[in-house]
Amino acid sequence: MRNEDKKIPYDKDLVFDVRGLKTYFPIYEGTFKKKKVNDVKAVDNVSFNVRRGETIGVVGESGCGKTTLGRSIMRLTEPTGGEVLYNLNGKMRDIRKFDEKEIFDFRKEVQMVFQDPYSALNPMRKIYDSFAEPLKAHGIETKEDLLMVMEDRLRRVNLRPEFIYRYPHEFSGGQRQRLCIARALAVSPDVVILDEPVSALDVSIQAQVINLLQAIQKELDLTYIFIAHDLSVVEYISDRIMVMYLGHIVEYADSEVLNKNPAHPYTKALLSAVPIPVVGRESKRIVLEGDVPSPIHKPSGCPFHNRCPQYLGDICKEKVPEFKDLGGGHKVACHIYD
């Protein structure tokens, strides 16, 4: 047992335990781009955990760091700091310390579905070839076994088995996204990170894909990290929701609690933009002034203070708010609750 394993308590239901995660992208200037002048702080000191079988939703405006968070958890983008503890073979270990064999095993257990189904599949290769490559890498080599796995996964996403002999351009957007989901399921993962899986689809197709994901999760006992900018979609599929703003988590709560009793002004603004499907009922829209600040030059203090409709003055401008526990796991980072 390694030294770092002894310090981390084991919880069989805990899949991920993210602690103080930071992912920065350096900015260089000069003739040969060797002088570092600043960082793009895409993910800045984020902490949360994920339990087996649940769906964690991550929501926020474009550019808030949602996708970078998902890629950092997968180590497709290398984190700058913090820990991403994963339950690999019964031990909570930091993925940043995994060797090549451990990363290989980790990538089999944790798969990712990307936002754009049009670029996620190689247009020059048939679906069979796109599926076969990861399956062969993980030990499934005979054509009979490959076909058995592929046909099973396609049936799970309501596609015909013969589709494996077609090219990506022969499918609609919704079909391509279902193909991407089927490919992620091909290696039998335990966790699937879904990065904006329905944002590029028509509304009617979105509902089909969301319901499909829920059915597959129940059948295969999967754990989801669901990333999206549409709070109504995240609320529908998630057990718990994290609200991100400018690389920070500003609120964290059960889906139902967040919907009924949002605490952070940013969350309230996001919820006010969700249409209410009730005739004659209207909600008061909270319009935020200004644009999302640059992650290169973040505001001092609370990152939301320059757009906040409940701005309190110097304390918001000068002091970074700490998470307050409002009870029942509902946490918020806002000076209103000091």
Protein backbone atom coordinates (compact mmCIF):
# COMPACT_ATOMS: atom_id res chain seq x y z
CA MET A 1 0.00 0.00 0.00
CA ARG A 2 1.36 3.42 -0.93
CA ASN A 3 1.72 6.16 1.65
CA GLU A 4 -0.98 8.30 0.07
CA ASP A 5 -3.47 5.40 0.32
CA LYS A 6 -3.07 5.19 4.11
CA LYS A 7 -4.17 8.78 4.61
CA ILE A 8 -7.41 8.53 2.62
CA PRO A 9 -10.45 6.92 4.33
CA TYR A 10 -12.16 4.26 2.23
CA ASP A 11 -15.84 4.61 1.46
CA LYS A 12 -17.20 1.90 -0.83
CA ASP A 13 -19.99 4.20 -2.10
CA LEU A 14 -17.63 7.07 -2.96
CA VAL A 15 -16.51 7.11 -6.59
CA PHE A 16 -14.85 10.54 -6.87
CA ASP A 17 -13.66 12.89 -4.14
CA VAL A 18 -12.39 16.11 -5.74
CA ARG A 19 -10.45 18.41 -3.43
CA GLY A 20 -9.32 21.92 -4.34
CA LEU A 21 -9.05 21.15 -8.05
CA LYS A 22 -7.34 23.82 -10.15
CA THR A 23 -6.80 23.82 -13.90
CA TYR A 24 -4.95 26.82 -15.26
CA PHE A 25 -3.79 27.51 -18.82
CA PRO A 26 -0.62 29.63 -18.96
CA ILE A 27 -0.40 32.67 -21.23
CA TYR A 28 2.97 33.37 -22.83
CA GLU A 29 4.30 36.45 -24.61
CA GLY A 30 7.50 37.35 -26.39
CA THR A 31 9.09 36.41 -29.68
CA PHE A 32 9.34 32.71 -28.80
CA LYS A 33 6.40 32.65 -26.39
CA LYS A 34 8.65 31.81 -23.45
CA LYS A 35 7.65 34.55 -21.01
CA LYS A 36 4.69 33.57 -18.87
CA VAL A 37 2.58 36.63 -18.12
CA ASN A 38 -0.64 35.21 -16.68
CA ASP A 39 -3.00 32.23 -16.41
CA VAL A 40 -6.49 31.46 -17.63
CA LYS A 41 -8.01 30.09 -14.41
CA ALA A 42 -10.61 27.81 -15.97
CA VAL A 43 -11.21 25.74 -12.82
CA ASP A 44 -10.27 27.41 -9.55
CA ASN A 45 -10.32 25.55 -6.22
CA VAL A 46 -13.30 23.24 -6.86
CA SER A 47 -14.26 20.53 -4.34
CA PHE A 48 -17.10 17.98 -4.48
CA ASN A 49 -17.75 14.25 -4.33
CA VAL A 50 -19.67 11.73 -6.39
CA ARG A 51 -21.35 8.63 -4.96
CA ARG A 52 -22.02 5.39 -6.78
CA GLY A 53 -25.25 5.28 -8.78
CA GLU A 54 -26.11 8.99 -8.58
CA THR A 55 -26.16 11.76 -11.15
CA ILE A 56 -24.25 14.94 -10.35
CA GLY A 57 -25.28 17.89 -12.51
CA VAL A 58 -22.89 20.72 -13.34
CA VAL A 59 -24.53 23.88 -14.66
CA GLY A 60 -23.46 27.41 -15.58
CA GLU A 61 -23.03 29.87 -18.42
CA SER A 62 -20.72 29.20 -21.34
CA GLY A 63 -17.12 29.78 -20.31
CA CYS A 64 -17.65 29.02 -16.62
CA GLY A 65 -15.30 26.00 -16.68
CA LYS A 66 -17.78 23.10 -16.86
CA THR A 67 -16.13 21.28 -19.77
CA THR A 68 -12.63 21.85 -18.39
CA LEU A 69 -13.81 20.38 -15.08
CA GLY A 70 -15.02 17.23 -16.85
CA ARG A 71 -11.83 16.91 -18.90
CA SER A 72 -9.70 17.45 -15.79
CA ILE A 73 -11.50 14.65 -13.94
CA MET A 74 -10.74 12.38 -16.91
CA ARG A 75 -7.16 13.72 -17.04
CA LEU A 76 -7.67 14.57 -20.69
CA THR A 77 -6.61 18.02 -19.51
CA GLU A 78 -3.88 17.91 -16.88
CA PRO A 79 -4.93 19.60 -13.61
CA THR A 80 -2.67 22.29 -12.21
CA GLY A 81 -3.34 21.58 -8.55
CA GLY A 82 -5.56 19.85 -6.04
CA GLU A 83 -6.58 16.21 -5.90
CA VAL A 84 -8.99 14.04 -7.89
CA LEU A 85 -9.39 10.94 -5.76
CA TYR A 86 -10.93 7.94 -7.53
CA ASN A 87 -11.98 4.59 -6.13
CA LEU A 88 -9.74 2.30 -8.20
CA ASN A 89 -9.71 -1.34 -7.07
CA GLY A 90 -11.06 -0.48 -3.64
CA LYS A 91 -8.58 2.32 -2.89
CA MET A 92 -9.14 6.07 -3.08
CA ARG A 93 -6.21 7.29 -5.13
CA ASP A 94 -5.29 10.59 -6.77
CA ILE A 95 -5.52 10.15 -10.55
CA ARG A 96 -2.65 12.62 -10.95
CA LYS A 97 -0.38 9.95 -9.43
CA PHE A 98 -1.61 7.05 -11.58
CA ASP A 99 0.98 5.20 -13.67
CA GLU A 100 0.25 4.16 -17.27
CA LYS A 101 -1.38 0.85 -16.28
CA GLU A 102 -3.61 2.57 -13.72
CA ILE A 103 -4.61 5.27 -16.22
CA PHE A 104 -5.50 2.52 -18.71
CA ASP A 105 -7.72 0.78 -16.12
CA PHE A 106 -9.20 4.14 -15.07
CA ARG A 107 -10.13 5.05 -18.66
CA LYS A 108 -12.01 1.76 -18.98
CA GLU A 109 -14.04 2.50 -15.85
CA VAL A 110 -14.66 6.19 -16.62
CA GLN A 111 -15.85 7.16 -20.09
CA MET A 112 -16.83 10.53 -21.57
CA VAL A 113 -19.49 11.56 -24.10
CA PHE A 114 -18.53 14.80 -25.81
CA GLN A 115 -20.68 17.76 -26.76
CA ASP A 116 -20.54 17.68 -30.56
CA PRO A 117 -21.70 14.37 -32.08
CA TYR A 118 -20.65 15.63 -35.52
CA SER A 119 -16.95 15.81 -34.63
CA ALA A 120 -16.85 12.95 -32.09
CA LEU A 121 -17.00 10.29 -34.84
CA ASN A 122 -14.34 9.97 -37.53
CA PRO A 123 -16.12 10.74 -40.85
CA MET A 124 -13.66 8.52 -42.74
CA ARG A 125 -14.36 5.39 -40.70
CA LYS A 126 -17.40 3.16 -40.43
CA ILE A 127 -19.12 2.89 -37.04
CA TYR A 128 -17.72 -0.64 -36.73
CA ASP A 129 -14.14 0.68 -36.83
CA SER A 130 -14.88 3.45 -34.31
CA PHE A 131 -16.25 0.86 -31.88
CA ALA A 132 -13.65 -1.82 -32.56
CA GLU A 133 -10.59 0.25 -31.62
CA PRO A 134 -11.37 0.73 -27.88
CA LEU A 135 -12.79 -2.80 -27.58
CA LYS A 136 -9.63 -4.37 -29.01
CA ALA A 137 -7.50 -2.22 -26.70
CA HIS A 138 -9.37 -3.69 -23.74
CA GLY A 139 -9.02 -7.33 -24.78
CA ILE A 140 -12.02 -8.06 -27.03
CA GLU A 141 -10.45 -9.15 -30.32
CA THR A 142 -12.46 -11.84 -32.14
CA LYS A 143 -14.97 -10.60 -34.69
CA GLU A 144 -17.75 -12.61 -33.07
CA ASP A 145 -17.17 -11.01 -29.66
CA LEU A 146 -16.81 -7.54 -31.18
CA LEU A 147 -20.10 -7.89 -33.06
CA MET A 148 -21.88 -9.23 -29.98
CA VAL A 149 -20.83 -6.22 -27.87
CA MET A 150 -21.54 -3.68 -30.61
CA GLU A 151 -24.99 -5.02 -31.40
CA ASP A 152 -25.91 -5.12 -27.70
CA ARG A 153 -24.87 -1.49 -27.17
CA LEU A 154 -26.70 -0.30 -30.27
CA ARG A 155 -29.89 -2.01 -29.12
CA ARG A 156 -29.57 -0.30 -25.73
CA VAL A 157 -29.65 3.10 -27.44
CA ASN A 158 -32.53 2.06 -29.74
CA LEU A 159 -30.49 1.75 -32.95
CA ARG A 160 -30.45 -1.15 -35.39
CA PRO A 161 -27.39 -3.46 -35.28
CA GLU A 162 -26.76 -3.10 -39.02
CA PHE A 163 -25.92 0.59 -38.47
CA ILE A 164 -22.36 -0.42 -37.57
CA TYR A 165 -21.57 -0.78 -41.29
CA ARG A 166 -22.53 2.81 -42.10
CA TYR A 167 -20.55 6.06 -42.03
CA PRO A 168 -21.31 8.94 -39.59
CA HIS A 169 -22.67 11.24 -42.32
CA GLU A 170 -25.54 8.81 -42.88
CA PHE A 171 -27.04 9.58 -39.47
CA SER A 172 -29.01 12.47 -37.97
CA GLY A 173 -27.70 14.48 -35.00
CA GLY A 174 -29.77 12.52 -32.51
CA GLN A 175 -28.63 9.20 -33.95
CA ARG A 176 -24.99 10.30 -33.86
CA GLN A 177 -25.26 11.26 -30.21
CA ARG A 178 -26.80 7.88 -29.42
CA LEU A 179 -23.91 6.25 -31.29
CA CYS A 180 -21.47 8.22 -29.12
CA ILE A 181 -23.31 7.04 -26.00
CA ALA A 182 -23.21 3.44 -27.27
CA ARG A 183 -19.47 3.71 -27.92
CA ALA A 184 -18.87 5.02 -24.40
CA LEU A 185 -20.83 2.06 -23.03
CA ALA A 186 -18.93 -0.44 -25.17
CA VAL A 187 -16.17 -1.05 -22.59
CA SER A 188 -18.70 -1.43 -19.72
CA PRO A 189 -17.72 1.65 -17.66
CA ASP A 190 -18.87 2.43 -14.13
CA VAL A 191 -18.93 6.21 -14.59
CA VAL A 192 -19.91 8.28 -17.64
CA ILE A 193 -19.12 11.99 -17.89
CA LEU A 194 -21.65 13.61 -20.22
CA ASP A 195 -20.47 16.96 -21.59
CA GLU A 196 -23.45 18.89 -22.99
CA PRO A 197 -24.84 15.67 -24.55
CA VAL A 198 -28.10 17.24 -25.76
CA SER A 199 -27.24 20.91 -26.38
CA ALA A 200 -26.73 20.39 -30.14
CA LEU A 201 -30.04 18.54 -30.56
CA ASP A 202 -33.62 19.65 -31.22
CA VAL A 203 -35.82 19.94 -28.12
CA SER A 204 -37.91 16.86 -28.97
CA ILE A 205 -34.76 14.80 -29.53
CA GLN A 206 -33.27 16.13 -26.28
CA ALA A 207 -36.14 14.58 -24.31
CA GLN A 208 -35.62 11.22 -26.03
CA VAL A 209 -31.90 11.17 -25.26
CA ILE A 210 -32.39 12.24 -21.62
CA ASN A 211 -34.99 9.51 -21.05
CA LEU A 212 -32.69 7.01 -22.75
CA LEU A 213 -29.80 7.99 -20.47
CA GLN A 214 -31.97 7.49 -17.40
CA ALA A 215 -33.10 4.05 -18.57
CA ILE A 216 -29.52 2.97 -19.33
CA GLN A 217 -28.33 4.23 -15.93
CA LYS A 218 -30.95 2.13 -14.18
CA GLU A 219 -30.22 -0.98 -16.26
CA LEU A 220 -26.43 -0.84 -15.92
CA ASP A 221 -26.13 0.81 -12.48
CA LEU A 222 -24.07 3.69 -13.85
CA THR A 223 -22.87 6.88 -12.21
CA TYR A 224 -23.24 10.10 -14.24
CA ILE A 225 -21.58 13.49 -14.15
CA PHE A 226 -23.93 15.53 -16.34
CA ILE A 227 -22.61 18.86 -17.66
CA ALA A 228 -24.99 21.36 -19.28
CA HIS A 229 -25.92 25.03 -19.44
CA ASP A 230 -29.68 24.38 -19.37
CA LEU A 231 -30.75 24.26 -15.73
CA SER A 232 -34.13 22.69 -16.52
CA VAL A 233 -32.43 19.73 -18.23
CA VAL A 234 -29.91 19.34 -15.39
CA GLU A 235 -32.66 19.51 -12.80
CA TYR A 236 -34.66 16.79 -14.56
CA ILE A 237 -31.85 14.21 -14.67
CA SER A 238 -29.71 15.05 -11.62
CA ASP A 239 -29.79 13.97 -7.98
CA ARG A 240 -27.48 16.81 -6.90
CA ILE A 241 -26.50 19.97 -8.75
CA MET A 242 -23.38 22.15 -8.67
CA VAL A 243 -23.70 25.69 -10.01
CA MET A 244 -20.45 27.02 -11.52
CA TYR A 245 -19.46 30.59 -12.15
CA LEU A 246 -16.08 31.72 -13.50
CA GLY A 247 -14.31 28.51 -12.46
CA HIS A 248 -15.85 28.36 -8.97
CA ILE A 249 -18.68 26.35 -7.42
CA VAL A 250 -21.08 28.92 -5.97
CA GLU A 251 -23.91 26.59 -4.87
CA TYR A 252 -24.28 22.87 -4.27
CA ALA A 253 -27.54 21.13 -3.31
CA ASP A 254 -30.03 18.37 -4.02
CA SER A 255 -31.87 18.97 -7.27
CA GLU A 256 -35.28 19.47 -5.66
CA VAL A 257 -33.90 21.79 -2.95
CA LEU A 258 -32.04 23.91 -5.50
CA ASN A 259 -35.15 24.29 -7.63
CA LYS A 260 -37.46 25.27 -4.75
CA ASN A 261 -35.04 27.26 -2.58
CA PRO A 262 -32.10 28.64 -4.57
CA ALA A 263 -29.74 30.58 -2.30
CA HIS A 264 -27.11 32.21 -4.49
CA PRO A 265 -28.13 35.27 -6.58
CA TYR A 266 -26.55 33.67 -9.65
CA THR A 267 -28.61 30.49 -9.23
CA LYS A 268 -31.76 32.58 -8.82
CA ALA A 269 -30.97 34.38 -12.08
CA LEU A 270 -30.44 31.08 -13.91
CA LEU A 271 -33.72 29.68 -12.58
CA SER A 272 -35.63 32.83 -13.53
CA ALA A 273 -34.64 32.23 -17.17
CA VAL A 274 -36.23 28.75 -17.23
CA PRO A 275 -39.65 28.85 -18.97
CA ILE A 276 -42.60 27.77 -16.79
CA PRO A 277 -44.84 25.25 -18.63
CA VAL A 278 -48.03 26.47 -16.93
CA VAL A 279 -50.64 28.54 -18.79
CA GLY A 280 -51.16 31.96 -17.19
CA ARG A 281 -48.23 31.64 -14.79
CA GLU A 282 -45.26 33.93 -15.23
CA SER A 283 -41.96 34.30 -13.44
CA LYS A 284 -40.06 37.51 -12.86
CA ARG A 285 -36.91 37.39 -14.95
CA ILE A 286 -33.70 38.46 -13.20
CA VAL A 287 -31.54 40.09 -15.85
CA LEU A 288 -27.84 40.18 -14.98
CA GLU A 289 -25.98 43.27 -16.10
CA GLY A 290 -22.70 43.07 -17.98
CA ASP A 291 -20.83 40.07 -19.36
CA VAL A 292 -19.03 37.24 -17.62
CA PRO A 293 -15.58 38.61 -16.65
CA SER A 294 -12.47 37.17 -18.25
CA PRO A 295 -10.98 34.17 -16.40
CA ILE A 296 -7.61 35.85 -16.99
CA HIS A 297 -8.48 38.97 -14.97
CA LYS A 298 -11.02 37.81 -12.40
CA PRO A 299 -12.70 40.31 -10.09
CA SER A 300 -11.32 40.54 -6.58
CA GLY A 301 -13.33 39.11 -3.71
CA CYS A 302 -16.51 37.34 -4.82
CA PRO A 303 -16.19 36.56 -8.55
CA PHE A 304 -19.87 37.44 -9.04
CA HIS A 305 -19.89 40.80 -7.23
CA ASN A 306 -19.73 43.02 -10.34
CA ARG A 307 -22.97 41.48 -11.72
CA CYS A 308 -24.77 40.67 -8.47
CA PRO A 309 -28.21 42.28 -7.91
CA GLN A 310 -27.69 41.81 -4.13
CA TYR A 311 -24.21 43.38 -3.96
CA LEU A 312 -23.33 44.29 -0.35
CA GLY A 313 -20.39 46.61 -0.93
CA ASP A 314 -16.78 46.29 0.18
CA ILE A 315 -17.12 42.83 1.73
CA CYS A 316 -18.20 41.39 -1.65
CA LYS A 317 -15.51 43.33 -3.48
CA GLU A 318 -12.63 42.45 -1.16
CA LYS A 319 -13.32 39.08 0.48
CA VAL A 320 -13.76 35.68 -1.21
CA PRO A 321 -16.89 34.09 0.32
CA GLU A 322 -16.57 30.74 2.07
CA PHE A 323 -19.07 27.91 1.71
CA LYS A 324 -21.90 28.06 4.22
CA ASP A 325 -23.88 24.93 5.03
CA LEU A 326 -27.57 25.84 5.01
CA GLY A 327 -28.52 22.34 6.16
CA GLY A 328 -29.20 19.06 4.42
CA GLY A 329 -26.08 19.31 2.28
CA HIS A 330 -27.18 22.63 0.76
CA LYS A 331 -24.05 24.77 0.52
CA VAL A 332 -23.58 28.26 -0.87
CA ALA A 333 -20.65 30.66 -1.26
CA CYS A 334 -22.20 34.09 -0.69
CA HIS A 335 -21.68 36.89 1.87
CA ILE A 336 -25.44 37.29 2.23
CA TYR A 337 -25.33 34.29 4.59
CA ASP A 338 -22.38 35.47 6.73
